[in-house]
Amino acid sequence: MDFRPLNELERRHLITALRGNADGNRVLLMDRKDTSFAGSAEEVPDEEVINAIKSVPCHY
């Protein structure tokens, strides 16, 4: 995977979302295809949460 630094607009959106997460309990969203930042939301549907949990590999 190639590293690409955030441009100024992406950086501002990410900082705003991080502040919203810390101060207002907002959810940070991630693109499933490339794990890039995809915004924030008040709440995430249950189906999205279940898909995220299923995508984490578990090795015992």
N, C-alpha and C. Protein backbone atom coordinates (compact mmCIF):
# COMPACT_ATOMS: atom_id res chain seq x y z
N MET A 1 0.84 -1.17 0.00
CA MET A 1 0.00 0.00 0.00
C MET A 1 0.89 1.24 0.00
N ASP A 2 0.56 2.19 -0.82
CA ASP A 2 1.33 3.43 -0.91
C ASP A 2 0.85 4.43 0.12
N PHE A 3 1.80 5.10 0.74
CA PHE A 3 1.46 6.15 1.71
C PHE A 3 1.15 7.44 0.95
N ARG A 4 0.02 8.06 1.29
CA ARG A 4 -0.35 9.34 0.71
C ARG A 4 -0.79 10.25 1.85
N PRO A 5 -0.04 11.32 2.09
CA PRO A 5 -0.44 12.22 3.18
C PRO A 5 -1.79 12.88 2.86
N LEU A 6 -2.51 13.26 3.90
CA LEU A 6 -3.79 13.92 3.73
C LEU A 6 -3.59 15.32 3.16
N ASN A 7 -4.50 15.71 2.27
CA ASN A 7 -4.45 17.11 1.83
C ASN A 7 -5.10 17.96 2.92
N GLU A 8 -5.05 19.25 2.79
CA GLU A 8 -5.52 20.15 3.85
C GLU A 8 -7.00 19.96 4.16
N LEU A 9 -7.83 19.78 3.15
CA LEU A 9 -9.27 19.59 3.38
C LEU A 9 -9.54 18.27 4.12
N GLU A 10 -8.89 17.19 3.71
CA GLU A 10 -9.05 15.90 4.38
C GLU A 10 -8.59 16.00 5.84
N ARG A 11 -7.49 16.70 6.04
CA ARG A 11 -6.94 16.87 7.38
C ARG A 11 -7.92 17.61 8.29
N ARG A 12 -8.52 18.69 7.79
CA ARG A 12 -9.49 19.45 8.58
C ARG A 12 -10.72 18.61 8.91
N HIS A 13 -11.21 17.83 7.94
CA HIS A 13 -12.37 16.97 8.19
C HIS A 13 -12.06 15.92 9.25
N LEU A 14 -10.87 15.33 9.18
CA LEU A 14 -10.49 14.33 10.16
C LEU A 14 -10.35 14.93 11.55
N ILE A 15 -9.74 16.08 11.66
CA ILE A 15 -9.58 16.73 12.97
C ILE A 15 -10.94 17.09 13.56
N THR A 16 -11.84 17.61 12.72
CA THR A 16 -13.19 17.94 13.18
C THR A 16 -13.92 16.69 13.67
N ALA A 17 -13.78 15.59 12.93
CA ALA A 17 -14.44 14.34 13.32
C ALA A 17 -13.85 13.80 14.62
N LEU A 18 -12.54 13.89 14.79
CA LEU A 18 -11.90 13.42 16.02
C LEU A 18 -12.37 14.24 17.22
N ARG A 19 -12.50 15.54 17.03
CA ARG A 19 -13.01 16.39 18.11
C ARG A 19 -14.45 16.04 18.44
N GLY A 20 -15.26 15.78 17.39
CA GLY A 20 -16.65 15.39 17.61
C GLY A 20 -16.74 14.07 18.35
N ASN A 21 -15.81 13.16 18.06
CA ASN A 21 -15.78 11.87 18.75
C ASN A 21 -15.43 12.07 20.22
N ALA A 22 -14.45 12.90 20.49
CA ALA A 22 -14.00 13.12 21.86
C ALA A 22 -15.02 13.92 22.67
N ASP A 23 -15.60 14.95 22.07
CA ASP A 23 -16.49 15.84 22.80
C ASP A 23 -17.96 15.44 22.73
N GLY A 24 -18.39 14.95 21.58
CA GLY A 24 -19.82 14.72 21.39
C GLY A 24 -20.22 13.29 21.16
N ASN A 25 -19.28 12.36 21.34
CA ASN A 25 -19.61 10.95 21.22
C ASN A 25 -20.04 10.56 19.80
N ARG A 26 -19.50 11.26 18.79
CA ARG A 26 -19.81 10.92 17.39
C ARG A 26 -18.97 9.73 16.95
N VAL A 27 -19.49 8.99 15.98
CA VAL A 27 -18.83 7.79 15.47
C VAL A 27 -17.95 8.15 14.28
N LEU A 28 -16.73 7.62 14.24
CA LEU A 28 -15.85 7.80 13.09
C LEU A 28 -16.10 6.67 12.10
N LEU A 29 -16.21 7.00 10.82
CA LEU A 29 -16.48 6.01 9.79
C LEU A 29 -15.24 5.76 8.95
N MET A 30 -15.11 4.52 8.47
CA MET A 30 -13.95 4.13 7.69
C MET A 30 -14.43 3.42 6.42
N ASP A 31 -13.78 3.72 5.31
CA ASP A 31 -14.11 3.06 4.04
C ASP A 31 -13.68 1.61 4.10
N ARG A 32 -14.57 0.68 3.77
CA ARG A 32 -14.25 -0.74 3.84
C ARG A 32 -13.18 -1.17 2.84
N LYS A 33 -13.14 -0.51 1.70
CA LYS A 33 -12.24 -0.94 0.63
C LYS A 33 -10.78 -0.60 0.92
N ASP A 34 -10.53 0.59 1.43
CA ASP A 34 -9.13 1.00 1.61
C ASP A 34 -8.83 1.56 3.00
N THR A 35 -9.74 1.40 3.93
CA THR A 35 -9.61 1.85 5.32
C THR A 35 -9.33 3.35 5.46
N SER A 36 -9.71 4.14 4.47
CA SER A 36 -9.54 5.58 4.58
C SER A 36 -10.68 6.18 5.40
N PHE A 37 -10.48 7.37 5.91
CA PHE A 37 -11.47 8.08 6.70
C PHE A 37 -12.67 8.41 5.80
N ALA A 38 -13.87 8.13 6.28
CA ALA A 38 -15.07 8.34 5.46
C ALA A 38 -16.10 9.24 6.15
N GLY A 39 -15.69 10.00 7.14
CA GLY A 39 -16.61 10.92 7.80
C GLY A 39 -16.98 10.49 9.20
N SER A 40 -18.06 11.07 9.69
CA SER A 40 -18.54 10.73 11.03
C SER A 40 -20.06 10.75 11.02
N ALA A 41 -20.65 10.20 12.06
CA ALA A 41 -22.11 10.12 12.15
C ALA A 41 -22.53 10.08 13.61
N GLU A 42 -23.80 10.36 13.83
CA GLU A 42 -24.35 10.29 15.19
C GLU A 42 -24.46 8.84 15.65
N GLU A 43 -24.90 7.97 14.74
CA GLU A 43 -25.10 6.57 15.08
C GLU A 43 -24.81 5.69 13.86
N VAL A 44 -24.44 4.46 14.11
CA VAL A 44 -24.16 3.51 13.04
C VAL A 44 -25.20 2.40 13.10
N PRO A 45 -25.74 1.99 11.94
CA PRO A 45 -26.72 0.89 11.95
C PRO A 45 -26.09 -0.40 12.50
N ASP A 46 -26.91 -1.23 13.12
CA ASP A 46 -26.43 -2.48 13.70
C ASP A 46 -25.72 -3.36 12.69
N GLU A 47 -26.22 -3.39 11.46
CA GLU A 47 -25.60 -4.22 10.42
C GLU A 47 -24.15 -3.82 10.16
N GLU A 48 -23.86 -2.53 10.19
CA GLU A 48 -22.49 -2.05 10.00
C GLU A 48 -21.59 -2.52 11.14
N VAL A 49 -22.10 -2.48 12.36
CA VAL A 49 -21.33 -2.92 13.52
C VAL A 49 -21.03 -4.42 13.41
N ILE A 50 -22.03 -5.20 13.04
CA ILE A 50 -21.84 -6.64 12.90
C ILE A 50 -20.82 -6.95 11.82
N ASN A 51 -20.89 -6.26 10.68
CA ASN A 51 -19.91 -6.46 9.61
C ASN A 51 -18.50 -6.11 10.07
N ALA A 52 -18.36 -5.04 10.85
CA ALA A 52 -17.04 -4.65 11.34
C ALA A 52 -16.47 -5.71 12.28
N ILE A 53 -17.31 -6.24 13.15
CA ILE A 53 -16.86 -7.28 14.08
C ILE A 53 -16.45 -8.54 13.33
N LYS A 54 -17.25 -8.92 12.34
CA LYS A 54 -16.94 -10.13 11.55
C LYS A 54 -15.64 -9.98 10.75
N SER A 55 -15.27 -8.75 10.42
CA SER A 55 -14.08 -8.55 9.59
C SER A 55 -12.77 -8.66 10.37
N VAL A 56 -12.85 -8.68 11.70
CA VAL A 56 -11.64 -8.77 12.52
C VAL A 56 -11.21 -10.23 12.62
N PRO A 57 -9.97 -10.54 12.16
CA PRO A 57 -9.52 -11.93 12.25
C PRO A 57 -9.26 -12.33 13.70
N CYS A 58 -9.64 -13.52 14.04
CA CYS A 58 -9.42 -14.05 15.39
C CYS A 58 -8.56 -15.30 15.28
N HIS A 59 -7.44 -15.30 15.95
CA HIS A 59 -6.54 -16.44 15.93
C HIS A 59 -6.31 -16.92 17.36
N TYR A 60 -6.54 -18.18 17.58
CA TYR A 60 -6.35 -18.75 18.92
C TYR A 60 -5.29 -19.80 18.89
